[in-house]
Amino acid sequence: MVTDEFNTTDRKEKNHQLYLKQKAILDAFLVRNAISRKQYDKSLHDLTEKMGETLPAEVSSEAV
């Protein structure tokens, strides 16, 4: 059904927007030295994995 497809797409977009907001918070913490680079990398990796997103580095390696 069209409605099911729309709901799935809408949910994916909402999850992606949530991911971007959470990543921005991590970025802000890193810039303000509230977390170390090691903490940032681990948190970003965990967030990306749990949310089913792809890191930019992973996109580049998959494209090759």
N, C-alpha and C. Protein backbone atom coordinates (compact mmCIF):
# COMPACT_ATOMS: atom_id res chain seq x y z
N MET A 1 0.82 -1.19 0.00
CA MET A 1 0.00 0.00 0.00
C MET A 1 0.87 1.25 0.00
N VAL A 2 0.34 2.29 -0.57
CA VAL A 2 1.05 3.56 -0.62
C VAL A 2 1.25 4.11 0.79
N THR A 3 0.26 3.97 1.64
CA THR A 3 0.35 4.47 3.01
C THR A 3 1.48 3.81 3.77
N ASP A 4 1.63 2.48 3.62
CA ASP A 4 2.71 1.77 4.30
C ASP A 4 4.07 2.25 3.80
N GLU A 5 4.20 2.45 2.50
CA GLU A 5 5.46 2.95 1.94
C GLU A 5 5.76 4.34 2.47
N PHE A 6 4.73 5.19 2.54
CA PHE A 6 4.92 6.55 3.04
C PHE A 6 5.36 6.51 4.50
N ASN A 7 4.70 5.69 5.31
CA ASN A 7 5.04 5.60 6.73
C ASN A 7 6.46 5.10 6.93
N THR A 8 6.88 4.14 6.13
CA THR A 8 8.24 3.62 6.22
C THR A 8 9.24 4.71 5.84
N THR A 9 8.98 5.41 4.76
CA THR A 9 9.86 6.48 4.31
C THR A 9 9.89 7.60 5.34
N ASP A 10 8.73 7.95 5.86
CA ASP A 10 8.64 9.00 6.86
C ASP A 10 9.43 8.61 8.12
N ARG A 11 9.31 7.37 8.54
CA ARG A 11 10.03 6.89 9.73
C ARG A 11 11.54 6.91 9.48
N LYS A 12 11.96 6.49 8.30
CA LYS A 12 13.39 6.51 7.98
C LYS A 12 13.93 7.94 7.98
N GLU A 13 13.16 8.86 7.42
CA GLU A 13 13.59 10.26 7.39
C GLU A 13 13.66 10.84 8.80
N LYS A 14 12.69 10.52 9.63
CA LYS A 14 12.70 11.00 11.02
C LYS A 14 13.90 10.44 11.77
N ASN A 15 14.19 9.15 11.56
CA ASN A 15 15.35 8.55 12.21
C ASN A 15 16.64 9.19 11.72
N HIS A 16 16.71 9.49 10.43
CA HIS A 16 17.90 10.15 9.89
C HIS A 16 18.06 11.55 10.49
N GLN A 17 16.97 12.29 10.61
CA GLN A 17 17.04 13.63 11.21
C GLN A 17 17.47 13.54 12.67
N LEU A 18 16.98 12.54 13.39
CA LEU A 18 17.39 12.33 14.78
C LEU A 18 18.88 12.03 14.85
N TYR A 19 19.35 11.18 13.94
CA TYR A 19 20.78 10.86 13.88
C TYR A 19 21.60 12.13 13.67
N LEU A 20 21.18 12.97 12.73
CA LEU A 20 21.92 14.21 12.46
C LEU A 20 21.95 15.14 13.68
N LYS A 21 20.84 15.22 14.40
CA LYS A 21 20.80 16.06 15.60
C LYS A 21 21.74 15.51 16.67
N GLN A 22 21.72 14.19 16.86
CA GLN A 22 22.59 13.59 17.88
C GLN A 22 24.06 13.72 17.50
N LYS A 23 24.36 13.60 16.21
CA LYS A 23 25.73 13.78 15.74
C LYS A 23 26.18 15.23 15.97
N ALA A 24 25.29 16.17 15.74
CA ALA A 24 25.62 17.59 15.96
C ALA A 24 25.95 17.84 17.43
N ILE A 25 25.25 17.18 18.32
CA ILE A 25 25.54 17.31 19.75
C ILE A 25 26.93 16.76 20.05
N LEU A 26 27.24 15.60 19.50
CA LEU A 26 28.59 15.04 19.68
C LEU A 26 29.65 15.98 19.12
N ASP A 27 29.39 16.55 17.94
CA ASP A 27 30.32 17.50 17.33
C ASP A 27 30.56 18.69 18.26
N ALA A 28 29.48 19.20 18.84
CA ALA A 28 29.59 20.35 19.74
C ALA A 28 30.39 20.00 20.99
N PHE A 29 30.17 18.81 21.53
CA PHE A 29 30.94 18.37 22.70
C PHE A 29 32.42 18.31 22.36
N LEU A 30 32.74 17.79 21.18
CA LEU A 30 34.14 17.66 20.78
C LEU A 30 34.79 19.03 20.61
N VAL A 31 34.10 19.94 19.95
CA VAL A 31 34.64 21.29 19.72
C VAL A 31 34.89 22.00 21.04
N ARG A 32 34.03 21.78 22.02
CA ARG A 32 34.17 22.45 23.31
C ARG A 32 35.05 21.67 24.29
N ASN A 33 35.68 20.61 23.78
CA ASN A 33 36.54 19.76 24.61
C ASN A 33 35.82 19.15 25.80
N ALA A 34 34.53 18.93 25.65
CA ALA A 34 33.76 18.28 26.72
C ALA A 34 33.99 16.77 26.68
N ILE A 35 34.39 16.25 25.53
CA ILE A 35 34.75 14.84 25.39
C ILE A 35 36.04 14.74 24.58
N SER A 36 36.74 13.64 24.76
CA SER A 36 37.98 13.44 24.01
C SER A 36 37.66 12.95 22.60
N ARG A 37 38.66 12.99 21.75
CA ARG A 37 38.50 12.49 20.38
C ARG A 37 38.16 10.99 20.41
N LYS A 38 38.79 10.27 21.33
CA LYS A 38 38.54 8.84 21.45
C LYS A 38 37.09 8.58 21.86
N GLN A 39 36.57 9.37 22.82
CA GLN A 39 35.17 9.23 23.23
C GLN A 39 34.23 9.58 22.08
N TYR A 40 34.58 10.63 21.35
CA TYR A 40 33.77 11.05 20.20
C TYR A 40 33.70 9.94 19.15
N ASP A 41 34.85 9.40 18.80
CA ASP A 41 34.90 8.35 17.79
C ASP A 41 34.07 7.14 18.20
N LYS A 42 34.19 6.73 19.46
CA LYS A 42 33.43 5.57 19.96
C LYS A 42 31.94 5.88 19.95
N SER A 43 31.56 7.03 20.46
CA SER A 43 30.15 7.40 20.52
C SER A 43 29.54 7.52 19.13
N LEU A 44 30.28 8.13 18.21
CA LEU A 44 29.78 8.28 16.84
C LEU A 44 29.63 6.91 16.17
N HIS A 45 30.61 6.06 16.38
CA HIS A 45 30.54 4.70 15.81
C HIS A 45 29.31 3.97 16.36
N ASP A 46 29.13 4.01 17.68
CA ASP A 46 28.00 3.31 18.31
C ASP A 46 26.66 3.89 17.83
N LEU A 47 26.57 5.21 17.79
CA LEU A 47 25.35 5.87 17.32
C LEU A 47 25.04 5.48 15.89
N THR A 48 26.05 5.53 15.05
CA THR A 48 25.89 5.22 13.63
C THR A 48 25.44 3.77 13.45
N GLU A 49 26.06 2.87 14.18
CA GLU A 49 25.72 1.45 14.08
C GLU A 49 24.29 1.19 14.55
N LYS A 50 23.93 1.74 15.69
CA LYS A 50 22.60 1.50 16.26
C LYS A 50 21.48 2.11 15.43
N MET A 51 21.77 3.22 14.77
CA MET A 51 20.75 3.89 13.99
C MET A 51 20.73 3.41 12.54
N GLY A 52 21.66 2.52 12.19
CA GLY A 52 21.67 1.97 10.84
C GLY A 52 22.13 2.96 9.79
N GLU A 53 22.92 3.93 10.20
CA GLU A 53 23.44 4.93 9.27
C GLU A 53 24.79 4.48 8.73
N THR A 54 25.34 5.24 7.81
CA THR A 54 26.65 4.95 7.23
C THR A 54 27.56 6.14 7.45
N LEU A 55 28.74 5.87 7.97
CA LEU A 55 29.72 6.94 8.15
C LEU A 55 30.26 7.37 6.78
N PRO A 56 30.62 8.63 6.63
CA PRO A 56 31.16 9.10 5.35
C PRO A 56 32.37 8.27 4.89
N ALA A 57 33.24 7.85 5.79
CA ALA A 57 34.39 7.03 5.41
C ALA A 57 33.93 5.68 4.84
N GLU A 58 32.85 5.13 5.39
CA GLU A 58 32.34 3.85 4.92
C GLU A 58 31.75 4.00 3.53
N VAL A 59 31.15 5.15 3.25
CA VAL A 59 30.57 5.40 1.94
C VAL A 59 31.68 5.41 0.90
N SER A 60 32.80 6.08 1.21
CA SER A 60 33.91 6.17 0.27
C SER A 60 34.49 4.79 -0.02
N SER A 61 34.68 3.97 1.01
CA SER A 61 35.28 2.67 0.79
C SER A 61 34.34 1.73 0.05
N GLU A 62 33.03 1.89 0.23
CA GLU A 62 32.07 1.04 -0.48
C GLU A 62 31.97 1.44 -1.94
N ALA A 63 32.22 2.70 -2.25
CA ALA A 63 32.11 3.19 -3.62
C ALA A 63 33.25 2.69 -4.50
N VAL A 64 34.38 2.33 -3.87
CA VAL A 64 35.56 1.89 -4.62
C VAL A 64 35.45 0.47 -5.06
